[in-house]
Amino acid sequence: MEEALIDADIRKARTLPSSWYSDDSIFQTLISRFSSEWHFAVHHSDLDEFNTIPLTHIEEQTKEPMLLTKTENGLNCLSNVCTHRGMLVASEPCNGKVLQCPYHGRTFDLDGIFKNMPAFEDVVNFPSVEDNLKQFPTGEWAGMVFTGVEPSKTFDDWIRPISERMSWWADRKQMERDKSRDRDWIINTNWALYVDNYLEGFHIPFVHSDLNAVLDYGDYTTELFEGGVLQIGIASEGEPFFEIPESSPDYGKKIAAYYWWLFPGLMLNIYPWGVSVNIVVPEAVDKTRVIYQGYVTDPEMLGQGAGGDLDKVEIEDQFVVEGCLRGIRSSAYDRGRYSPEMERGVHHFHRMLTRE
């Protein structure tokens, strides 16, 4: 990988070299790090209809096929790979009592324990623990379920910045999946350019006229923490905001949106109406899939404020990040500089990317 030292002093630092957005070998190295992070799996309300859900978006991010099962004992995240010949066990959500491989009929219970296999009566030392489906760690917060291949942090440590800041909200809110808010975007850009754009409100007055009208741009703030960034949008006069209790450090602020980003590609956008979960899936060095899922806490607030028209904001952002990919391929550009006031989140992300 091309060396890309990002100075810790944002006033002196230069941005990532353009090769970090356009070179396929760098792309492959960066996305290999997705396996050591936590990822959003499902919300508990997604399991109301099915007790088994393949986590295809996490497979796309990490190359590890997984499935989530719900049992009387709780939730399990299991390998979705049959221990016989490697076939995927489940391709669609289902609601059975056992998992059966469609290739040769091997079965497992919903805890991943081997149950039965045709024509294996004479196999020596069979079955063994190796015939069970591998288990992956899980964690839950505010009804949201997370998992990962080999997360480098415990779940409690990873989620702590959000759980401590938003405990007042998580304790009182019940969310339900609103599939009408689901989106699946394919964007002709590098995944890191998409994250760059998300991590700064600098562009809002220039790109998002409607969003700018409902936010107080002068009070937009960015906070950094290990593993992520929090951006806070303050409501303009007359626009909806959270009713925040005195126990919160944000008491007295007219917050219209909490924009949480967790390395490398998870956004939890919390609005008075609910949560928009954005999942960034790098598909190629120049192609990114972004999955939107909506979970509603207050239907009466839908369509209002900072989270009122997310489709319009997304299309506007896509115009920018696709244009940036075309631009950084130019021989006339390599690296830029950061705004110390407005691009602290981007600088933080770049420091994380380039850290061994």
Protein backbone atom coordinates (compact mmCIF):
# COMPACT_ATOMS: atom_id res chain seq x y z
CA MET A 1 0.00 0.00 0.00
CA GLU A 2 1.15 3.50 -0.75
CA GLU A 3 2.21 5.19 2.47
CA ALA A 4 -0.30 7.82 3.55
CA LEU A 5 0.79 9.40 6.79
CA ILE A 6 -2.04 11.55 8.13
CA ASP A 7 -0.58 14.08 10.55
CA ALA A 8 -2.28 14.05 13.95
CA ASP A 9 -2.40 17.85 13.78
CA ILE A 10 -5.30 18.53 11.42
CA ARG A 11 -3.88 21.98 10.69
CA LYS A 12 -0.84 20.36 9.10
CA ALA A 13 -2.39 17.20 7.69
CA ARG A 14 -3.02 16.32 4.08
CA THR A 15 -5.91 14.10 3.06
CA LEU A 16 -5.61 10.55 1.74
CA PRO A 17 -3.72 10.12 -1.54
CA SER A 18 -6.08 9.58 -4.47
CA SER A 19 -4.71 6.03 -4.90
CA TRP A 20 -6.45 5.03 -1.67
CA TYR A 21 -9.75 5.51 -3.48
CA SER A 22 -8.78 4.09 -6.88
CA ASP A 23 -6.20 1.32 -6.42
CA ASP A 24 -7.70 -2.17 -6.25
CA SER A 25 -4.90 -3.66 -4.10
CA ILE A 26 -5.42 -0.92 -1.49
CA PHE A 27 -9.17 -1.51 -1.69
CA GLN A 28 -8.73 -5.22 -0.97
CA THR A 29 -6.44 -4.52 2.00
CA LEU A 30 -8.86 -2.01 3.53
CA ILE A 31 -11.98 -4.14 3.24
CA SER A 32 -10.21 -7.07 4.88
CA ARG A 33 -10.50 -5.04 8.10
CA PHE A 34 -14.30 -5.37 8.08
CA SER A 35 -13.88 -8.84 9.62
CA SER A 36 -12.47 -7.43 12.86
CA GLU A 37 -15.41 -5.07 13.49
CA TRP A 38 -18.98 -5.33 14.78
CA HIS A 39 -21.81 -5.03 12.25
CA PHE A 40 -25.54 -4.42 12.41
CA ALA A 41 -27.42 -7.70 11.88
CA VAL A 42 -31.15 -7.17 12.47
CA HIS A 43 -33.60 -5.52 14.82
CA HIS A 44 -35.65 -7.76 17.11
CA SER A 45 -38.80 -6.78 15.23
CA ASP A 46 -37.29 -8.39 12.11
CA LEU A 47 -37.55 -11.71 13.95
CA ASP A 48 -41.29 -11.44 14.58
CA GLU A 49 -42.03 -13.24 11.31
CA PHE A 50 -38.98 -15.50 10.91
CA ASN A 51 -36.78 -17.34 13.38
CA THR A 52 -33.91 -17.74 10.91
CA ILE A 53 -32.46 -14.90 8.83
CA PRO A 54 -29.38 -15.17 6.57
CA LEU A 55 -27.16 -12.11 7.07
CA THR A 56 -26.26 -11.62 3.42
CA HIS A 57 -25.19 -8.00 3.86
CA ILE A 58 -22.56 -9.03 6.42
CA GLU A 59 -21.38 -11.78 4.07
CA GLU A 60 -20.93 -9.10 1.41
CA GLN A 61 -18.92 -6.98 3.83
CA THR A 62 -16.77 -9.74 5.36
CA LYS A 63 -17.02 -12.71 2.93
CA GLU A 64 -18.31 -14.77 5.87
CA PRO A 65 -21.77 -16.37 5.39
CA MET A 66 -23.80 -16.07 8.60
CA LEU A 67 -27.34 -16.61 9.77
CA LEU A 68 -29.20 -15.45 12.85
CA THR A 69 -31.58 -17.78 14.67
CA LYS A 70 -34.09 -17.14 17.44
CA THR A 71 -34.68 -19.87 20.01
CA GLU A 72 -36.28 -20.13 23.43
CA ASN A 73 -32.82 -19.55 24.87
CA GLY A 74 -32.18 -16.36 22.91
CA LEU A 75 -30.39 -15.45 19.70
CA ASN A 76 -27.54 -17.22 17.94
CA CYS A 77 -25.34 -16.05 15.12
CA LEU A 78 -24.20 -19.17 13.28
CA SER A 79 -22.08 -20.02 10.30
CA ASN A 80 -24.31 -20.45 7.27
CA VAL A 81 -21.92 -23.05 5.86
CA CYS A 82 -22.78 -26.75 6.13
CA THR A 83 -20.05 -28.74 7.85
CA HIS A 84 -20.35 -31.55 5.26
CA ARG A 85 -19.38 -30.00 1.91
CA GLY A 86 -19.60 -26.26 2.47
CA MET A 87 -23.02 -25.60 0.96
CA LEU A 88 -25.00 -22.60 2.25
CA VAL A 89 -27.56 -23.89 4.71
CA ALA A 90 -30.18 -21.14 4.31
CA SER A 91 -30.65 -18.78 1.39
CA GLU A 92 -33.89 -17.12 2.51
CA PRO A 93 -35.51 -16.21 5.85
CA CYS A 94 -37.45 -19.16 7.21
CA ASN A 95 -39.42 -20.28 10.23
CA GLY A 96 -38.62 -23.96 10.73
CA LYS A 97 -37.61 -25.91 13.82
CA VAL A 98 -34.41 -27.25 12.25
CA LEU A 99 -31.86 -26.13 9.69
CA GLN A 100 -31.43 -28.53 6.77
CA CYS A 101 -28.72 -28.25 4.17
CA PRO A 102 -30.37 -28.38 0.72
CA TYR A 103 -27.42 -30.29 -0.79
CA HIS A 104 -27.33 -33.63 1.10
CA GLY A 105 -29.87 -33.16 3.87
CA ARG A 106 -27.63 -32.65 6.92
CA THR A 107 -29.65 -31.08 9.73
CA PHE A 108 -28.84 -28.86 12.70
CA ASP A 109 -30.95 -27.43 15.48
CA LEU A 110 -31.37 -23.66 15.78
CA ASP A 111 -28.43 -23.54 18.21
CA GLY A 112 -26.23 -24.92 15.41
CA ILE A 113 -25.83 -28.39 16.93
CA PHE A 114 -25.59 -31.29 14.47
CA LYS A 115 -28.70 -33.52 14.48
CA ASN A 116 -28.70 -35.95 11.59
CA MET A 117 -26.95 -36.93 8.33
CA PRO A 118 -28.15 -39.59 5.85
CA ALA A 119 -25.81 -42.47 4.91
CA PHE A 120 -23.14 -41.68 7.52
CA GLU A 121 -23.74 -44.69 9.79
CA ASP A 122 -20.27 -46.20 9.19
CA VAL A 123 -18.22 -43.02 9.54
CA VAL A 124 -15.67 -43.31 12.35
CA ASN A 125 -15.70 -40.74 15.16
CA PHE A 126 -18.82 -39.11 13.82
CA PRO A 127 -20.42 -36.81 14.77
CA SER A 128 -17.98 -34.57 16.63
CA VAL A 129 -18.04 -30.93 17.71
CA GLU A 130 -16.56 -30.08 14.32
CA ASP A 131 -19.86 -31.10 12.75
CA ASN A 132 -21.71 -28.34 14.58
CA LEU A 133 -22.11 -24.94 12.97
CA LYS A 134 -19.59 -22.37 14.17
CA GLN A 135 -20.96 -19.67 16.44
CA PHE A 136 -20.15 -15.96 16.18
CA PRO A 137 -20.50 -13.36 18.97
CA THR A 138 -23.61 -11.22 19.29
CA GLY A 139 -24.56 -8.07 21.15
CA GLU A 140 -27.78 -6.10 21.56
CA TRP A 141 -28.64 -2.47 22.17
CA ALA A 142 -32.05 -0.77 21.92
CA GLY A 143 -33.48 -3.86 20.24
CA MET A 144 -30.75 -3.82 17.58
CA VAL A 145 -28.63 -6.95 17.19
CA PHE A 146 -24.97 -6.83 16.15
CA THR A 147 -22.41 -9.45 15.26
CA GLY A 148 -18.98 -9.86 13.72
CA VAL A 149 -16.50 -12.47 12.52
CA GLU A 150 -13.72 -11.75 15.03
CA PRO A 151 -14.39 -8.32 16.56
CA SER A 152 -11.30 -6.72 18.04
CA LYS A 153 -13.32 -5.16 20.87
CA THR A 154 -15.88 -6.54 23.26
CA PHE A 155 -19.40 -5.50 22.34
CA ASP A 156 -19.82 -3.46 25.52
CA ASP A 157 -16.68 -1.47 24.78
CA TRP A 158 -17.68 -0.95 21.16
CA ILE A 159 -21.23 0.24 21.83
CA ARG A 160 -20.41 2.23 25.00
CA PRO A 161 -20.17 5.72 23.37
CA ILE A 162 -23.72 5.29 22.05
CA SER A 163 -25.23 3.38 24.97
CA GLU A 164 -24.03 5.93 27.53
CA ARG A 165 -25.03 8.99 25.49
CA MET A 166 -28.41 7.63 24.36
CA SER A 167 -29.52 5.58 27.37
CA TRP A 168 -32.43 7.96 28.01
CA TRP A 169 -33.66 7.32 24.46
CA ALA A 170 -33.06 3.56 24.31
CA ASP A 171 -34.83 2.93 27.60
CA ARG A 172 -38.09 4.48 26.54
CA LYS A 173 -38.41 3.68 22.85
CA GLN A 174 -39.99 0.72 21.07
CA MET A 175 -39.09 0.44 17.40
CA GLU A 176 -40.80 -1.35 14.55
CA ARG A 177 -39.41 -2.04 11.09
CA ASP A 178 -40.99 0.10 8.37
CA LYS A 179 -40.12 -1.70 5.14
CA SER A 180 -41.48 1.17 3.08
CA ARG A 181 -38.35 3.04 4.18
CA ASP A 182 -35.96 0.32 3.00
CA ARG A 183 -33.63 1.28 0.17
CA ASP A 184 -30.82 -0.50 -1.67
CA TRP A 185 -28.56 1.89 -3.54
CA ILE A 186 -25.74 1.03 -5.95
CA ILE A 187 -23.38 3.98 -6.27
CA ASN A 188 -20.46 4.39 -8.67
CA THR A 189 -17.92 5.46 -6.08
CA ASN A 190 -15.39 4.13 -3.62
CA TRP A 191 -16.81 3.23 -0.22
CA ALA A 192 -14.38 5.50 1.64
CA LEU A 193 -15.52 8.51 -0.41
CA TYR A 194 -19.07 7.76 0.70
CA VAL A 195 -17.94 7.67 4.35
CA ASP A 196 -15.89 10.87 3.89
CA ASN A 197 -19.00 12.69 2.73
CA TYR A 198 -21.09 11.39 5.63
CA LEU A 199 -18.56 12.53 8.22
CA GLU A 200 -18.85 16.27 7.66
CA GLY A 201 -21.64 18.78 7.65
CA PHE A 202 -19.42 21.20 5.74
CA HIS A 203 -21.23 20.46 2.47
CA ILE A 204 -24.78 20.83 3.79
CA PRO A 205 -25.41 24.47 2.69
CA PHE A 206 -23.97 23.74 -0.76
CA VAL A 207 -25.52 20.33 -1.46
CA HIS A 208 -28.64 19.98 0.72
CA SER A 209 -30.75 23.13 0.55
CA ASP A 210 -33.82 21.56 2.18
CA LEU A 211 -31.83 19.91 4.97
CA ASN A 212 -29.96 23.17 5.56
CA ALA A 213 -33.28 24.94 6.05
CA VAL A 214 -34.27 22.69 8.98
CA LEU A 215 -30.85 22.62 10.68
CA ASP A 216 -29.00 25.42 12.43
CA TYR A 217 -25.76 25.14 10.49
CA GLY A 218 -23.91 27.43 12.88
CA ASP A 219 -24.49 25.03 15.78
CA TYR A 220 -23.64 21.80 13.91
CA THR A 221 -21.09 19.88 15.98
CA THR A 222 -18.73 16.94 15.53
CA GLU A 223 -17.43 14.77 18.36
CA LEU A 224 -14.71 12.13 17.99
CA PHE A 225 -14.35 8.91 19.94
CA GLU A 226 -12.31 5.76 19.57
CA GLY A 227 -13.93 3.80 16.77
CA GLY A 228 -16.30 6.42 15.48
CA VAL A 229 -17.75 9.89 15.11
CA LEU A 230 -20.89 11.60 16.40
CA GLN A 231 -22.35 14.54 14.52
CA ILE A 232 -25.20 16.51 16.08
CA GLY A 233 -27.66 18.54 14.08
CA ILE A 234 -29.51 21.32 15.92
CA ALA A 235 -33.04 22.17 14.81
CA SER A 236 -33.80 25.51 13.22
CA GLU A 237 -36.54 27.62 14.79
CA GLY A 238 -39.90 25.84 14.61
CA GLU A 239 -38.46 22.47 13.54
CA PRO A 240 -38.92 19.25 15.58
CA PHE A 241 -36.32 18.17 18.12
CA PHE A 242 -35.88 15.60 20.89
CA GLU A 243 -37.29 16.09 24.36
CA ILE A 244 -34.12 15.35 26.29
CA PRO A 245 -34.18 14.70 30.07
CA GLU A 246 -32.01 16.52 32.58
CA SER A 247 -29.94 13.37 33.10
CA SER A 248 -28.50 13.70 29.60
CA PRO A 249 -25.41 15.84 28.80
CA ASP A 250 -27.48 17.16 25.89
CA TYR A 251 -30.25 18.54 28.10
CA GLY A 252 -31.40 21.94 26.90
CA LYS A 253 -30.24 21.44 23.32
CA LYS A 254 -32.75 21.37 20.47
CA ILE A 255 -31.25 18.33 18.79
CA ALA A 256 -32.86 17.35 15.50
CA ALA A 257 -30.59 14.39 14.73
CA TYR A 258 -27.81 12.27 16.17
CA TYR A 259 -25.61 10.99 13.34
CA TRP A 260 -23.52 8.09 14.67
CA TRP A 261 -20.82 6.51 12.49
CA LEU A 262 -18.99 3.38 13.63
CA PHE A 263 -15.90 2.20 11.79
CA PRO A 264 -15.81 1.14 9.06
CA GLY A 265 -19.24 1.49 7.45
CA LEU A 266 -22.18 1.64 9.85
CA MET A 267 -24.35 4.73 10.31
CA LEU A 268 -27.08 4.93 12.96
CA ASN A 269 -29.07 8.09 12.28
CA ILE A 270 -31.42 8.75 15.19
CA TYR A 271 -34.28 11.19 14.61
CA PRO A 272 -37.41 12.07 16.62
CA TRP A 273 -39.33 9.66 14.34
CA GLY A 274 -36.92 6.74 14.77
CA VAL A 275 -33.72 5.31 13.30
CA SER A 276 -32.33 5.06 9.81
CA VAL A 277 -29.68 2.34 9.72
CA ASN A 278 -27.26 2.79 6.82
CA ILE A 279 -24.96 -0.11 5.95
CA VAL A 280 -22.04 0.54 3.59
CA VAL A 281 -21.05 -2.48 1.49
CA PRO A 282 -17.89 -2.10 -0.63
CA GLU A 283 -18.55 -4.08 -3.81
CA ALA A 284 -15.56 -2.97 -5.89
CA VAL A 285 -12.98 -0.23 -5.79
CA ASP A 286 -15.39 1.95 -7.78
CA LYS A 287 -18.77 0.55 -6.70
CA THR A 288 -20.52 0.79 -3.33
CA ARG A 289 -23.82 -0.60 -2.13
CA VAL A 290 -25.62 1.31 0.61
CA ILE A 291 -28.51 -0.39 2.41
CA TYR A 292 -31.08 1.76 4.23
CA GLN A 293 -33.41 0.25 6.82
CA GLY A 294 -35.95 2.29 8.76
CA TYR A 295 -37.19 1.63 12.31
CA VAL A 296 -39.98 3.88 13.57
CA THR A 297 -40.58 4.97 17.16
CA ASP A 298 -43.06 7.82 16.54
CA PRO A 299 -45.06 7.59 13.28
CA GLU A 300 -46.52 11.07 13.81
CA MET A 301 -43.04 12.56 13.35
CA LEU A 302 -42.39 10.96 9.96
CA GLY A 303 -41.72 13.37 7.12
CA GLN A 304 -40.62 16.18 9.45
CA GLY A 305 -37.33 17.83 10.28
CA ALA A 306 -33.82 16.59 9.57
CA GLY A 307 -35.00 13.07 8.77
CA GLY A 308 -37.93 14.21 6.68
CA ASP A 309 -36.77 13.44 3.14
CA LEU A 310 -33.86 11.05 3.28
CA ASP A 311 -34.23 10.00 -0.36
CA LYS A 312 -33.56 13.53 -1.57
CA VAL A 313 -30.53 13.89 0.70
CA GLU A 314 -29.18 10.54 -0.50
CA ILE A 315 -29.51 11.42 -4.20
CA GLU A 316 -27.76 14.73 -3.57
CA ASP A 317 -24.94 12.93 -1.75
CA GLN A 318 -24.60 10.38 -4.55
CA PHE A 319 -24.08 13.18 -7.08
CA VAL A 320 -21.19 14.47 -4.97
CA VAL A 321 -19.42 11.17 -4.20
CA GLU A 322 -19.65 9.93 -7.78
CA GLY A 323 -18.21 13.24 -8.99
CA CYS A 324 -15.41 12.96 -6.44
CA LEU A 325 -14.36 9.54 -7.74
CA ARG A 326 -14.13 10.91 -11.26
CA GLY A 327 -12.13 13.86 -9.96
CA ILE A 328 -9.60 11.97 -7.86
CA ARG A 329 -8.69 9.87 -10.90
CA SER A 330 -7.37 13.02 -12.55
CA SER A 331 -3.61 13.45 -12.92
CA ALA A 332 -4.14 17.01 -11.67
CA TYR A 333 -5.15 15.87 -8.14
CA ASP A 334 -3.55 13.78 -5.44
CA ARG A 335 -4.13 15.15 -1.92
CA GLY A 336 -5.97 18.05 -0.34
CA ARG A 337 -6.17 19.71 3.10
CA TYR A 338 -8.72 19.57 5.92
CA SER A 339 -10.85 22.27 7.44
CA PRO A 340 -9.93 22.14 11.16
CA GLU A 341 -13.39 23.45 12.00
CA MET A 342 -15.58 21.33 9.72
CA GLU A 343 -13.67 18.19 8.71
CA ARG A 344 -12.51 16.72 12.01
CA GLY A 345 -14.59 13.59 11.39
CA VAL A 346 -12.99 12.98 8.00
CA HIS A 347 -9.52 13.48 9.46
CA HIS A 348 -10.36 11.02 12.27
CA PHE A 349 -11.55 8.43 9.72
CA HIS A 350 -8.41 8.81 7.63
CA ARG A 351 -6.25 8.41 10.70
CA MET A 352 -8.13 5.19 11.49
CA LEU A 353 -7.78 3.91 7.93
CA THR A 354 -4.05 4.45 7.80
CA ARG A 355 -3.32 3.09 11.26
CA GLU A 356 -1.72 -0.36 11.11
